[in-house]
Structure formats: C-alpha cells, structure tokens
C-alpha cells in the first residue's frame, strides 16, 4: 500500500512539472522584420539587397526611389544597436527619400513649365528657381507632412541592417503641394514679386505635379 501511494505521488509530481513547463512563454520577437540574406551576386556587386514589387520591378533597398502607377516608392536602411531602433530609423529615412523624390519632381516640373512658357532669360530663370527652391523646396524637405504613408516591405540582413520600403499615393502628395502653393501665392512676398514663380504655382494648383 505504501509503495502504491509513493508511486502515485511521484507520478503526480512529474505531471505537475510537465504542466508548469508547458505554460512557459517564448521570448517575444521584434515585429515586422524577417530574415534576409542578399544573393551572392548582389553582395559581390556591393549593391545591397533589393525589394521586388508584385509586377517584378526591382528597387534598391538602400535608398531607391521611383514612381510607379499611382504611387511613389522609396527605401531606407539603418543599422543601430537594436532591431526596433534600426526599424524606426529606416522608416524615417524612407520617408526622407520620398520627400527628396518629391522635391526633385517639383524642380523638374518647374523647368518644364518655364521651357513651355518660352522663358530663356538666364536671370529670370535663376531668380525663379531660387524663389521656388527657397519656398517650396524648403517646405518639402523640412516641414511637409504627408499623410497615408505605407510601409510595404521590411527586410533584415545577416549583419543586422534593416531595410524598409515605403510608398505614398501621388494624390496625397499633390494635395499637400497644392495647399502650400495656395499659401505661397497669397502670402509669400518673394513669390508674389516673381511673376514666373506665381504662374508656376498657379499651374501646380490647377494640375498638381504628379499625374
């Protein structure tokens, strides 16, 4: 009888130990980051990894920028002390690269507009470029707040660098630029004093930059 009770006690203790072990929670993992190893040929070329969109388009994962369909895409990367801080920094850099792409697009749109208008005087061109850069360019790169940013892909290589691909709809960007153009044509003294800059911003208000 004593042996039976002792055996029952041992079995119960083992069962309790197993139950306790089964309830242990696995350590949490950093969100939104997946393991990624760049192909050998990419590593040799020192180009870093690439993002691949659904249509097969490749985007450099370090700092690629491109316009596809209704979207502007840009990548950012970072390697900091933790995965989460790297992720945050990579996202911020992707957003900054979108702003850089937008700023370059505004400059190109201005050049096209001035060419279409037949303006060839170098002083006029330089003055207009300076006014647009000092007003809209500064706004885009330091103050613009674009809504609707999406982070569509995230990669992490074997050395701990995190890469983020962000995208933003062209319509959202146009709305921010057009609102700023309205403000500039009404309140900015330098813009109001430059007919070509005023005409360019009025055209932007009507048509936007991205179509």
Protein backbone atom coordinates (compact mmCIF):
# COMPACT_ATOMS: atom_id res chain seq x y z
CA UNK A 1 0.00 0.00 0.00
CA UNK A 2 2.81 2.40 0.91
CA UNK A 3 4.58 1.63 -2.39
CA UNK A 4 1.38 2.37 -4.29
CA UNK A 5 0.95 5.74 -2.52
CA UNK A 6 4.60 6.62 -3.13
CA UNK A 7 4.28 5.76 -6.82
CA UNK A 8 1.13 7.87 -7.17
CA UNK A 9 2.93 10.80 -5.52
CA UNK A 10 5.90 10.59 -7.89
CA UNK A 11 3.64 10.44 -10.95
CA UNK A 12 1.63 13.44 -9.71
CA UNK A 13 4.81 15.46 -9.16
CA UNK A 14 6.05 14.64 -12.65
CA UNK A 15 2.72 15.64 -14.18
CA UNK A 16 2.75 18.96 -12.30
CA UNK A 17 6.29 19.62 -13.51
CA UNK A 18 5.29 18.95 -17.11
CA UNK A 19 2.27 21.22 -16.82
CA UNK A 20 4.42 24.03 -15.45
CA UNK A 21 6.94 23.63 -18.25
CA UNK A 22 4.23 23.71 -20.95
CA UNK A 23 2.99 27.14 -19.76
CA UNK A 24 6.31 28.90 -20.24
CA UNK A 25 6.07 31.78 -22.74
CA UNK A 26 8.58 32.05 -25.53
CA UNK A 27 10.57 35.30 -25.66
CA UNK A 28 8.93 37.95 -27.84
CA UNK A 29 10.44 38.73 -31.20
CA UNK A 30 10.91 42.10 -32.85
CA UNK A 31 7.88 42.82 -35.08
CA UNK A 32 7.76 43.33 -38.82
CA UNK A 33 11.28 42.15 -39.57
CA UNK A 34 12.14 38.98 -41.41
CA UNK A 35 15.49 37.34 -42.02
CA UNK A 36 17.01 38.19 -45.35
CA UNK A 37 20.28 37.24 -46.98
CA UNK A 38 21.38 39.08 -50.09
CA UNK A 39 22.17 36.82 -53.08
CA UNK A 40 25.87 36.18 -53.62
CA UNK A 41 25.97 38.12 -56.89
CA UNK A 42 24.39 41.15 -55.19
CA UNK A 43 26.92 41.04 -52.36
CA UNK A 44 29.81 40.87 -54.82
CA UNK A 45 28.45 43.85 -56.73
CA UNK A 46 28.18 45.75 -53.42
CA UNK A 47 24.68 46.90 -54.34
CA UNK A 48 22.91 45.51 -51.30
CA UNK A 49 19.56 43.71 -51.33
CA UNK A 50 16.61 44.70 -53.48
CA UNK A 51 12.87 44.89 -52.96
CA UNK A 52 10.70 43.21 -55.59
CA UNK A 53 7.21 44.54 -56.28
CA UNK A 54 4.30 42.42 -57.47
CA UNK A 55 4.93 43.42 -61.09
CA UNK A 56 8.57 42.36 -60.84
CA UNK A 57 10.02 45.87 -60.52
CA UNK A 58 13.27 45.93 -58.53
CA UNK A 59 14.02 48.76 -56.09
CA UNK A 60 17.39 49.25 -54.44
CA UNK A 61 16.82 48.54 -50.74
CA UNK A 62 19.42 51.06 -49.57
CA UNK A 63 17.86 54.26 -50.88
CA UNK A 64 15.93 53.52 -54.07
CA UNK A 65 13.25 55.94 -55.27
CA UNK A 66 10.74 55.56 -58.10
CA UNK A 67 7.24 56.43 -59.29
CA UNK A 68 5.03 53.53 -60.34
CA UNK A 69 1.36 53.91 -61.21
CA UNK A 70 -0.43 55.92 -58.53
CA UNK A 71 2.42 55.57 -56.02
CA UNK A 72 5.80 57.00 -55.11
CA UNK A 73 8.13 54.35 -53.64
CA UNK A 74 11.29 54.95 -51.62
CA UNK A 75 13.56 52.76 -49.50
CA UNK A 76 15.54 53.47 -46.35
CA UNK A 77 18.02 51.45 -44.31
CA UNK A 78 19.67 51.59 -40.90
CA UNK A 79 21.81 49.51 -38.56
CA UNK A 80 21.64 50.63 -34.93
CA UNK A 81 22.01 48.95 -31.55
CA UNK A 82 18.61 47.22 -31.60
CA UNK A 83 16.32 45.89 -34.31
CA UNK A 84 13.50 48.21 -33.27
CA UNK A 85 15.65 51.33 -33.34
CA UNK A 86 17.01 50.27 -36.74
CA UNK A 87 13.45 49.79 -37.97
CA UNK A 88 12.38 53.24 -36.76
CA UNK A 89 15.40 54.91 -38.34
CA UNK A 90 14.98 53.04 -41.63
CA UNK A 91 11.35 54.16 -41.81
CA UNK A 92 12.34 57.78 -41.18
CA UNK A 93 14.97 57.60 -43.93
CA UNK A 94 12.48 56.07 -46.36
CA UNK A 95 10.13 58.98 -45.68
CA UNK A 96 13.01 61.44 -46.18
CA UNK A 97 13.80 59.78 -49.50
CA UNK A 98 10.18 60.20 -50.60
CA UNK A 99 10.47 63.90 -49.76
CA UNK A 100 13.70 64.10 -51.76
CA UNK A 101 11.99 62.47 -54.74
CA UNK A 102 9.08 64.90 -54.48
CA UNK A 103 11.43 67.89 -54.30
CA UNK A 104 13.30 66.76 -57.42
CA UNK A 105 9.97 66.24 -59.21
CA UNK A 106 8.88 69.80 -58.36
CA UNK A 107 12.16 71.15 -59.73
CA UNK A 108 11.68 69.16 -62.93
CA UNK A 109 8.07 70.35 -63.27
CA UNK A 110 9.24 73.94 -62.86
CA UNK A 111 11.89 73.53 -65.56
CA UNK A 112 9.32 72.02 -67.93
CA UNK A 113 6.85 74.81 -67.21
CA UNK A 114 9.42 77.56 -67.83
CA UNK A 115 10.54 75.87 -71.05
CA UNK A 116 6.95 75.60 -72.27
CA UNK A 117 6.46 79.27 -71.45
CA UNK A 118 9.43 80.11 -73.66
CA UNK A 119 11.38 81.85 -70.91
CA UNK A 120 15.05 81.96 -71.89
CA UNK A 121 16.45 84.89 -69.95
CA UNK A 122 19.05 83.38 -67.61
CA UNK A 123 18.48 85.94 -64.84
CA UNK A 124 14.75 85.27 -64.88
CA UNK A 125 15.32 81.53 -64.81
CA UNK A 126 17.77 81.74 -61.91
CA UNK A 127 15.53 84.09 -59.93
CA UNK A 128 12.51 81.83 -60.42
CA UNK A 129 14.46 78.71 -59.50
CA UNK A 130 15.71 80.38 -56.33
CA UNK A 131 12.24 81.54 -55.30
CA UNK A 132 10.71 78.10 -55.86
CA UNK A 133 13.58 76.32 -54.08
CA UNK A 134 13.51 78.67 -51.08
CA UNK A 135 9.76 78.42 -50.66
CA UNK A 136 8.51 75.03 -51.83
CA UNK A 137 11.82 73.13 -51.66
CA UNK A 138 12.49 74.04 -48.05
CA UNK A 139 8.91 73.18 -47.15
CA UNK A 140 9.08 69.73 -48.76
CA UNK A 141 12.36 68.65 -47.19
CA UNK A 142 11.82 70.00 -43.67
CA UNK A 143 8.18 70.75 -42.94
CA UNK A 144 5.85 68.82 -45.22
CA UNK A 145 3.58 66.31 -43.52
CA UNK A 146 2.42 63.69 -45.98
CA UNK A 147 -0.48 61.52 -44.81
CA UNK A 148 -1.11 57.94 -45.84
CA UNK A 149 2.45 56.63 -45.75
CA UNK A 150 2.57 52.83 -46.07
CA UNK A 151 5.49 50.55 -45.21
CA UNK A 152 5.02 47.70 -47.62
CA UNK A 153 8.16 45.57 -47.18
CA UNK A 154 10.75 45.12 -44.45
CA UNK A 155 13.95 43.10 -44.65
CA UNK A 156 16.83 42.38 -42.28
CA UNK A 157 20.16 41.02 -43.50
CA UNK A 158 22.51 38.70 -41.67
CA UNK A 159 24.59 41.61 -40.38
CA UNK A 160 21.64 43.31 -38.71
CA UNK A 161 20.87 46.08 -41.21
CA UNK A 162 17.13 46.73 -41.56
CA UNK A 163 15.68 47.85 -44.91
CA UNK A 164 12.23 49.41 -45.31
CA UNK A 165 10.24 50.11 -48.48
CA UNK A 166 7.66 52.88 -48.10
CA UNK A 167 5.10 54.21 -50.53
CA UNK A 168 2.76 57.19 -50.74
CA UNK A 169 -0.08 57.92 -53.14
CA UNK A 170 0.53 60.68 -55.67
CA UNK A 171 -2.85 62.24 -54.88
CA UNK A 172 -1.85 62.70 -51.23
CA UNK A 173 1.37 64.42 -52.29
CA UNK A 174 -0.42 66.66 -54.79
CA UNK A 175 -2.87 67.78 -52.11
CA UNK A 176 -0.05 68.86 -49.78
CA UNK A 177 1.81 70.66 -52.58
CA UNK A 178 -1.31 72.40 -53.89
CA UNK A 179 -2.30 73.63 -50.43
CA UNK A 180 1.21 75.01 -49.95
CA UNK A 181 1.13 76.64 -53.39
CA UNK A 182 -2.11 78.44 -52.50
CA UNK A 183 -0.49 79.74 -49.32
CA UNK A 184 2.63 80.90 -51.16
CA UNK A 185 0.75 82.79 -53.87
CA UNK A 186 -1.29 84.60 -51.24
CA UNK A 187 1.23 85.33 -48.51
CA UNK A 188 4.83 84.87 -49.66
CA UNK A 189 6.32 88.24 -50.71
CA UNK A 190 9.10 86.72 -52.81
CA UNK A 191 6.63 84.57 -54.75
CA UNK A 192 4.21 87.44 -55.30
CA UNK A 193 7.08 89.58 -56.62
CA UNK A 194 8.13 86.92 -59.17
CA UNK A 195 5.58 86.53 -61.96
CA UNK A 196 7.05 83.27 -63.27
CA UNK A 197 7.05 81.65 -59.82
CA UNK A 198 3.49 82.80 -59.24
CA UNK A 199 2.39 81.42 -62.62
CA UNK A 200 4.14 78.10 -61.92
CA UNK A 201 2.45 77.71 -58.53
CA UNK A 202 -0.95 78.62 -60.02
CA UNK A 203 -0.38 75.90 -62.61
CA UNK A 204 0.50 73.49 -59.81
CA UNK A 205 -2.72 74.38 -58.02
CA UNK A 206 -4.67 73.51 -61.19
CA UNK A 207 -2.89 70.36 -62.32
CA UNK A 208 -0.68 69.12 -59.48
CA UNK A 209 2.83 67.75 -60.01
CA UNK A 210 2.12 64.01 -60.30
CA UNK A 211 -0.37 62.79 -62.89
